[in-house]
Amino acid sequence: MPFQYDILQPEEQDAQRASQELAQLLEEFLMPLLIVLDRLIDKRLVRTLVQVCVAIIRFRNNKQGLLLSELGSYLDGYAQQSKTATAGTKRVGNLLRSIKWNFLQIDHYLLEEADKEVTRMREQGKRIICPWDESVIEKAGKARN
């Protein structure tokens, strides 16, 4: 029987299925961090963080930056509804300005996860390699002197 009753063409269905699978993998990858952040900040902000990660992965590339207003327009529910998507931009701003968390929580979480992985690898007797390129981030003024 032909696919006359399909809502989407098979190619579109495959692309949609792949997109959903990638979104599921991203959510599984972020889940431990989301659980930690869920204890610190509002659930709506945690949901916004996931949507921001998806938007960055989908729309950021090396040739083009991503402005806060663009990022807000790419959030779920605001895509292509307006030029500025002020509601989405406000949600991203609320996430970034929240006084209940900062980069130190994420930094601490990442260090804890790295320690767990090192411990796990030591127990398995695996060799642990840590790349280090000796690069240092400096202020622009210091680089010129």
Protein backbone atom coordinates (compact mmCIF):
# COMPACT_ATOMS: atom_id res chain seq x y z
CA MET A 1 0.00 0.00 0.00
CA PRO A 2 1.43 3.41 -0.88
CA PHE A 3 2.12 5.97 1.79
CA GLN A 4 -0.89 8.04 0.75
CA TYR A 5 -2.15 8.39 4.30
CA ASP A 6 1.17 9.41 5.83
CA ILE A 7 1.19 12.90 7.21
CA LEU A 8 4.87 13.36 6.38
CA GLN A 9 6.95 11.91 3.58
CA PRO A 10 9.29 9.04 4.61
CA GLU A 11 12.39 11.27 4.31
CA GLU A 12 10.82 13.87 6.59
CA GLN A 13 9.79 11.18 9.07
CA ASP A 14 13.35 9.84 9.15
CA ALA A 15 14.77 13.32 9.77
CA GLN A 16 12.22 13.95 12.51
CA ARG A 17 12.98 10.59 14.14
CA ALA A 18 16.73 11.29 14.05
CA SER A 19 16.14 14.73 15.55
CA GLN A 20 14.10 13.25 18.39
CA GLU A 21 16.78 10.63 19.05
CA LEU A 22 19.48 13.31 19.23
CA ALA A 23 17.35 15.39 21.59
CA GLN A 24 16.91 12.30 23.79
CA LEU A 25 20.69 11.69 23.82
CA LEU A 26 21.34 15.33 24.76
CA GLU A 27 18.83 15.11 27.60
CA GLU A 28 20.43 11.89 28.87
CA PHE A 29 23.86 13.55 28.69
CA LEU A 30 22.68 16.63 30.60
CA MET A 31 20.50 14.74 33.11
CA PRO A 32 23.01 14.54 36.01
CA LEU A 33 23.69 18.29 35.74
CA LEU A 34 19.97 19.03 35.45
CA ILE A 35 19.29 17.08 38.64
CA VAL A 36 21.89 19.17 40.49
CA LEU A 37 20.54 22.44 39.08
CA ASP A 38 16.96 21.39 39.83
CA ARG A 39 17.82 21.57 43.54
CA LEU A 40 19.19 25.10 43.14
CA ILE A 41 16.92 26.90 40.69
CA ASP A 42 13.32 26.92 39.49
CA LYS A 43 12.21 24.07 37.20
CA ARG A 44 11.30 26.57 34.48
CA LEU A 45 14.88 27.83 34.42
CA VAL A 46 16.19 24.26 34.19
CA ARG A 47 13.86 23.66 31.22
CA THR A 48 15.11 26.90 29.66
CA LEU A 49 18.71 25.70 30.07
CA VAL A 50 17.92 22.52 28.12
CA GLN A 51 16.25 24.55 25.37
CA VAL A 52 19.23 26.93 25.25
CA CYS A 53 21.60 23.97 24.81
CA VAL A 54 19.45 22.62 21.97
CA ALA A 55 19.31 26.05 20.30
CA ILE A 56 23.07 26.53 20.56
CA ILE A 57 23.74 23.12 19.06
CA ARG A 58 21.24 23.69 16.25
CA PHE A 59 22.04 27.27 15.28
CA ARG A 60 25.59 28.18 16.34
CA ASN A 61 28.46 27.84 13.91
CA ASN A 62 31.98 29.21 13.60
CA LYS A 63 31.09 31.83 11.00
CA GLN A 64 28.21 33.39 12.88
CA GLY A 65 27.73 34.33 16.51
CA LEU A 66 24.50 33.90 18.39
CA LEU A 67 22.95 36.99 19.97
CA LEU A 68 20.79 36.76 23.07
CA SER A 69 17.73 37.93 21.12
CA GLU A 70 18.35 35.29 18.45
CA LEU A 71 18.80 32.64 21.10
CA GLY A 72 15.48 33.64 22.66
CA SER A 73 13.74 33.36 19.30
CA TYR A 74 15.08 29.82 18.83
CA LEU A 75 13.64 28.52 22.11
CA ASP A 76 10.86 25.99 21.91
CA GLY A 77 7.53 27.65 21.24
CA TYR A 78 8.93 30.93 19.91
CA ALA A 79 10.53 29.83 16.65
CA GLN A 80 9.52 31.94 13.68
CA GLN A 81 6.67 33.63 15.56
CA SER A 82 8.32 37.02 15.78
CA LYS A 83 11.55 38.76 14.88
CA THR A 84 12.71 39.36 18.44
CA ALA A 85 10.83 36.71 20.44
CA THR A 86 10.99 38.87 23.55
CA ALA A 87 9.43 36.19 25.78
CA GLY A 88 12.15 33.68 24.90
CA THR A 89 14.85 36.32 25.30
CA LYS A 90 13.45 37.22 28.72
CA ARG A 91 13.54 33.55 29.77
CA VAL A 92 17.21 33.27 28.77
CA GLY A 93 17.96 36.52 30.59
CA ASN A 94 16.21 35.25 33.73
CA LEU A 95 18.30 32.08 33.57
CA LEU A 96 21.57 34.01 33.23
CA ARG A 97 20.72 36.58 35.94
CA SER A 98 19.37 34.14 38.53
CA ILE A 99 21.12 34.73 41.87
CA LYS A 100 20.49 31.13 42.93
CA TRP A 101 23.32 29.76 40.79
CA ASN A 102 26.47 30.73 38.92
CA PHE A 103 29.27 29.14 36.96
CA LEU A 104 30.89 27.80 40.13
CA GLN A 105 28.12 25.22 40.58
CA ILE A 106 28.67 23.93 37.06
CA ASP A 107 32.45 24.03 37.53
CA HIS A 108 32.15 22.10 40.80
CA TYR A 109 29.80 19.57 39.19
CA LEU A 110 32.20 18.98 36.28
CA LEU A 111 35.16 18.49 38.63
CA GLU A 112 33.17 15.99 40.72
CA GLU A 113 32.18 14.04 37.61
CA ALA A 114 35.80 14.04 36.40
CA ASP A 115 36.96 12.74 39.79
CA LYS A 116 34.36 9.95 39.65
CA GLU A 117 35.56 8.98 36.17
CA VAL A 118 39.22 8.96 37.25
CA THR A 119 38.33 6.76 40.25
CA ARG A 120 36.36 4.40 38.03
CA MET A 121 39.21 4.12 35.53
CA ARG A 122 41.78 3.51 38.31
CA GLU A 123 39.63 0.70 39.71
CA GLN A 124 39.56 -0.88 36.26
CA GLY A 125 43.33 -0.51 35.96
CA LYS A 126 43.09 1.71 32.90
CA ARG A 127 45.66 4.31 31.97
CA ILE A 128 44.47 7.88 32.57
CA ILE A 129 45.62 10.50 30.09
CA CYS A 130 44.94 14.21 30.46
CA PRO A 131 45.81 16.45 27.49
CA TRP A 132 47.47 19.73 28.40
CA ASP A 133 48.55 22.27 25.81
CA GLU A 134 50.03 24.87 28.22
CA SER A 135 47.81 27.60 26.76
CA VAL A 136 46.94 30.53 29.00
CA ILE A 137 44.06 32.94 28.56
CA GLU A 138 45.40 36.47 28.87
CA LYS A 139 43.89 39.91 28.64
CA ALA A 140 44.24 41.58 25.24
CA GLY A 141 46.36 44.40 26.69
CA LYS A 142 48.95 42.03 28.13
CA ALA A 143 49.43 40.19 24.84
CA ARG A 144 50.61 43.39 23.12
CA ASN A 145 53.28 44.30 25.71
